[in-house]
Each structure stands twice: as C-alpha cells, then as structure tokens.
C-alpha cells in the first residue's frame, strides 16, 4: 500500500474517522494493480456535487459519502 499527500494539503482539523477512511481507500486502490492513492485535499478546497458510489463506499460503510468525480474520489465522513 502506498499513500501520498499532494504538496500543500492542509491536515489541521482532520477527524480520526478520515484517517481510517484514507487507510481503507489506499487498501482498495492497491487491489487494482497497486494504483497510486494521492490525497489532494483534506480540510481545504471546494468539492463538486454528489455522483456515483464505488467499491470504496462498500468498504467504508454508511457513515461515509463517496463521490466519484471526473478525476478523483471524494470521501466525506457523514454519520447518520
């Protein structure tokens, strides 16, 4: 498993649940030809509206929203 942070990503204020999510997402990515997993935004940035779910959603469970964007996945902790 390999996880990277894009230069400039702000981690201040990250929730512990998102650390777990990043670990699970990295594991799923590694199932697909050891695809590189890069976190491009944590507590910074703007995100688009919701769209499709993926295998990542199944692995994370109902307390997370997973949105498939054109170039990346958006993962958000959203407890019921």
N, C-alpha and C. Protein backbone atom coordinates (compact mmCIF):
# COMPACT_ATOMS: atom_id res chain seq x y z
N UNK A 1 0.83 -1.19 0.00
CA UNK A 1 0.00 0.00 0.00
C UNK A 1 0.87 1.25 0.00
N UNK A 2 0.44 2.21 -0.77
CA UNK A 2 1.20 3.45 -0.85
C UNK A 2 0.20 4.61 -0.86
N UNK A 3 0.39 5.53 0.06
CA UNK A 3 -0.46 6.71 0.15
C UNK A 3 0.40 7.95 0.11
N UNK A 4 -0.02 8.93 -0.69
CA UNK A 4 0.71 10.19 -0.78
C UNK A 4 -0.21 11.35 -0.49
N UNK A 5 0.36 12.44 -0.01
CA UNK A 5 -0.36 13.69 0.12
C UNK A 5 0.17 14.65 -0.94
N UNK A 6 -0.73 15.28 -1.66
CA UNK A 6 -0.34 16.28 -2.64
C UNK A 6 0.33 17.43 -1.89
N UNK A 7 1.41 18.00 -2.42
CA UNK A 7 2.06 19.14 -1.76
C UNK A 7 1.05 20.24 -1.47
N UNK A 8 1.09 20.77 -0.26
CA UNK A 8 0.23 21.86 0.13
C UNK A 8 -1.08 21.44 0.81
N UNK A 9 -1.32 20.13 0.90
CA UNK A 9 -2.55 19.66 1.56
C UNK A 9 -2.50 20.03 3.03
N UNK A 10 -3.59 20.64 3.51
CA UNK A 10 -3.68 21.03 4.92
C UNK A 10 -4.35 19.92 5.71
N UNK A 11 -3.69 19.48 6.79
CA UNK A 11 -4.22 18.39 7.59
C UNK A 11 -4.81 18.88 8.91
N UNK A 12 -4.62 20.13 9.25
CA UNK A 12 -5.12 20.66 10.52
C UNK A 12 -6.63 20.47 10.61
N UNK A 13 -7.09 19.86 11.68
CA UNK A 13 -8.51 19.66 11.89
C UNK A 13 -9.06 18.37 11.33
N UNK A 14 -8.20 17.47 10.82
CA UNK A 14 -8.68 16.21 10.27
C UNK A 14 -9.32 15.37 11.38
N UNK A 15 -10.43 14.75 11.06
CA UNK A 15 -11.12 13.88 12.02
C UNK A 15 -10.48 12.50 11.99
N UNK A 16 -10.43 11.81 13.14
CA UNK A 16 -9.85 10.46 13.20
C UNK A 16 -10.53 9.49 12.23
N UNK A 17 -11.82 9.68 11.99
CA UNK A 17 -12.55 8.81 11.06
C UNK A 17 -11.98 8.90 9.65
N UNK A 18 -11.47 10.08 9.30
CA UNK A 18 -10.91 10.26 7.96
C UNK A 18 -9.55 9.59 7.82
N UNK A 19 -8.83 9.44 8.92
CA UNK A 19 -7.57 8.69 8.87
C UNK A 19 -7.88 7.23 8.55
N UNK A 20 -8.91 6.68 9.21
CA UNK A 20 -9.35 5.31 8.91
C UNK A 20 -9.81 5.21 7.46
N UNK A 21 -10.57 6.18 6.99
CA UNK A 21 -11.04 6.17 5.60
C UNK A 21 -9.87 6.16 4.62
N UNK A 22 -8.86 6.97 4.88
CA UNK A 22 -7.69 7.02 3.99
C UNK A 22 -7.00 5.66 3.94
N UNK A 23 -6.92 4.98 5.07
CA UNK A 23 -6.30 3.65 5.11
C UNK A 23 -7.11 2.66 4.28
N UNK A 24 -8.43 2.70 4.41
CA UNK A 24 -9.28 1.79 3.64
C UNK A 24 -9.23 2.10 2.15
N UNK A 25 -9.29 3.37 1.79
CA UNK A 25 -9.21 3.76 0.37
C UNK A 25 -7.89 3.29 -0.23
N UNK A 26 -6.80 3.46 0.48
CA UNK A 26 -5.49 3.01 0.00
C UNK A 26 -5.49 1.50 -0.23
N UNK A 27 -6.12 0.76 0.67
CA UNK A 27 -6.21 -0.69 0.52
C UNK A 27 -6.99 -1.07 -0.73
N UNK A 28 -8.11 -0.39 -0.98
CA UNK A 28 -8.91 -0.68 -2.17
C UNK A 28 -8.11 -0.35 -3.42
N UNK A 29 -7.44 0.80 -3.43
CA UNK A 29 -6.63 1.17 -4.59
C UNK A 29 -5.56 0.12 -4.87
N UNK A 30 -4.97 -0.45 -3.82
CA UNK A 30 -3.91 -1.44 -4.01
C UNK A 30 -4.45 -2.72 -4.64
N UNK A 31 -5.76 -2.98 -4.52
CA UNK A 31 -6.37 -4.14 -5.16
C UNK A 31 -6.36 -4.01 -6.68
N UNK A 32 -6.32 -2.79 -7.15
CA UNK A 32 -6.38 -2.53 -8.58
C UNK A 32 -4.99 -2.16 -9.11
N UNK A 33 -4.18 -3.18 -9.33
CA UNK A 33 -2.84 -3.01 -9.92
C UNK A 33 -1.96 -2.06 -9.13
N UNK A 34 -2.09 -2.08 -7.81
CA UNK A 34 -1.28 -1.20 -6.96
C UNK A 34 -1.37 0.25 -7.38
N UNK A 35 -2.58 0.69 -7.76
CA UNK A 35 -2.78 2.07 -8.19
C UNK A 35 -2.36 3.03 -7.08
N UNK A 36 -1.73 4.11 -7.46
CA UNK A 36 -1.27 5.12 -6.51
C UNK A 36 -2.46 5.89 -5.95
N UNK A 37 -2.47 6.10 -4.66
CA UNK A 37 -3.53 6.85 -3.99
C UNK A 37 -2.93 8.15 -3.48
N UNK A 38 -3.45 9.27 -3.97
CA UNK A 38 -2.94 10.59 -3.59
C UNK A 38 -4.08 11.40 -2.98
N UNK A 39 -3.89 11.87 -1.75
CA UNK A 39 -4.87 12.75 -1.13
C UNK A 39 -4.57 14.16 -1.63
N UNK A 40 -5.57 14.76 -2.29
CA UNK A 40 -5.36 16.09 -2.88
C UNK A 40 -5.94 17.20 -2.03
N UNK A 41 -6.82 16.86 -1.08
CA UNK A 41 -7.41 17.87 -0.22
C UNK A 41 -7.95 17.19 1.03
N UNK A 42 -7.80 17.85 2.17
CA UNK A 42 -8.36 17.32 3.41
C UNK A 42 -9.30 18.35 4.01
N UNK A 43 -8.77 19.40 4.59
CA UNK A 43 -9.62 20.42 5.20
C UNK A 43 -9.67 21.68 4.34
N UNK A 44 -9.09 21.61 3.17
CA UNK A 44 -9.05 22.76 2.27
C UNK A 44 -9.79 22.41 0.98
N UNK A 45 -10.01 23.36 0.14
CA UNK A 45 -10.56 23.11 -1.18
C UNK A 45 -12.08 23.11 -1.23
N UNK A 46 -12.60 23.20 -2.45
CA UNK A 46 -14.04 23.14 -2.73
C UNK A 46 -14.30 21.84 -3.47
N UNK A 47 -15.49 21.28 -3.29
CA UNK A 47 -15.81 20.00 -3.89
C UNK A 47 -17.12 20.09 -4.65
N UNK A 48 -17.23 19.26 -5.70
CA UNK A 48 -18.41 19.24 -6.54
C UNK A 48 -19.57 18.48 -5.91
N UNK A 49 -20.72 18.48 -6.57
CA UNK A 49 -21.91 17.79 -6.06
C UNK A 49 -21.74 16.27 -6.10
N UNK A 50 -22.60 15.56 -5.38
CA UNK A 50 -22.51 14.09 -5.29
C UNK A 50 -22.80 13.45 -6.63
N UNK A 51 -22.19 12.27 -6.86
CA UNK A 51 -22.48 11.48 -8.06
C UNK A 51 -22.47 10.00 -7.69
N UNK A 52 -21.69 9.15 -8.38
CA UNK A 52 -21.73 7.70 -8.22
C UNK A 52 -20.93 7.19 -7.02
N UNK A 53 -21.39 6.04 -6.51
CA UNK A 53 -20.66 5.37 -5.44
C UNK A 53 -19.76 4.30 -6.06
N UNK A 54 -18.87 3.69 -5.27
CA UNK A 54 -17.90 2.73 -5.79
C UNK A 54 -17.65 1.64 -4.78
N UNK A 55 -16.70 0.82 -5.07
CA UNK A 55 -16.29 -0.24 -4.13
C UNK A 55 -15.81 0.39 -2.83
N UNK A 56 -15.22 1.54 -2.91
CA UNK A 56 -14.77 2.24 -1.70
C UNK A 56 -15.95 2.46 -0.77
N UNK A 57 -17.09 2.85 -1.30
CA UNK A 57 -18.28 3.06 -0.48
C UNK A 57 -18.66 1.80 0.28
N UNK A 58 -18.63 0.66 -0.40
CA UNK A 58 -18.97 -0.60 0.24
C UNK A 58 -18.01 -0.93 1.38
N UNK A 59 -16.74 -0.62 1.19
CA UNK A 59 -15.73 -0.91 2.21
C UNK A 59 -15.83 0.05 3.40
N UNK A 60 -16.22 1.29 3.16
CA UNK A 60 -16.29 2.28 4.23
C UNK A 60 -17.57 2.19 5.04
N UNK A 61 -18.67 1.84 4.41
CA UNK A 61 -19.94 1.74 5.12
C UNK A 61 -20.78 3.00 5.01
N UNK A 62 -21.92 2.96 5.69
CA UNK A 62 -22.94 4.00 5.54
C UNK A 62 -22.59 5.35 6.16
N UNK A 63 -21.62 5.41 7.04
CA UNK A 63 -21.31 6.70 7.68
C UNK A 63 -20.40 7.58 6.83
N UNK A 64 -20.01 7.08 5.67
CA UNK A 64 -19.17 7.85 4.75
C UNK A 64 -19.90 8.07 3.44
N UNK A 65 -19.73 9.23 2.86
CA UNK A 65 -20.19 9.50 1.49
C UNK A 65 -18.98 9.37 0.58
N UNK A 66 -19.16 8.66 -0.52
CA UNK A 66 -18.10 8.52 -1.53
C UNK A 66 -18.65 9.00 -2.85
N UNK A 67 -17.99 9.98 -3.43
CA UNK A 67 -18.44 10.56 -4.69
C UNK A 67 -17.35 10.37 -5.74
N UNK A 68 -17.73 9.80 -6.88
CA UNK A 68 -16.80 9.62 -7.98
C UNK A 68 -16.85 10.87 -8.85
N UNK A 69 -15.78 11.66 -8.78
CA UNK A 69 -15.66 12.86 -9.61
C UNK A 69 -14.98 12.47 -10.92
N UNK A 70 -14.79 13.41 -11.83
CA UNK A 70 -14.15 13.09 -13.11
C UNK A 70 -12.72 12.61 -12.94
N UNK A 71 -11.98 13.18 -11.98
CA UNK A 71 -10.56 12.86 -11.86
C UNK A 71 -10.18 12.25 -10.51
N UNK A 72 -11.16 12.09 -9.59
CA UNK A 72 -10.81 11.63 -8.26
C UNK A 72 -12.04 11.16 -7.49
N UNK A 73 -11.80 10.57 -6.34
CA UNK A 73 -12.87 10.22 -5.41
C UNK A 73 -12.94 11.27 -4.32
N UNK A 74 -14.13 11.60 -3.91
CA UNK A 74 -14.34 12.48 -2.77
C UNK A 74 -14.90 11.61 -1.65
N UNK A 75 -14.25 11.60 -0.48
CA UNK A 75 -14.70 10.81 0.67
C UNK A 75 -14.98 11.77 1.81
N UNK A 76 -16.17 11.64 2.40
CA UNK A 76 -16.59 12.53 3.46
C UNK A 76 -17.21 11.73 4.59
N UNK A 77 -16.81 12.00 5.83
CA UNK A 77 -17.44 11.36 6.99
C UNK A 77 -18.76 12.08 7.25
N UNK A 78 -19.85 11.33 7.16
CA UNK A 78 -21.19 11.92 7.28
C UNK A 78 -22.06 10.96 8.09
N UNK A 79 -21.87 10.94 9.44
CA UNK A 79 -22.64 9.99 10.25
C UNK A 79 -24.13 10.27 10.18
N UNK A 80 -24.88 9.20 10.30
CA UNK A 80 -26.35 9.29 10.20
C UNK A 80 -26.96 10.10 11.29
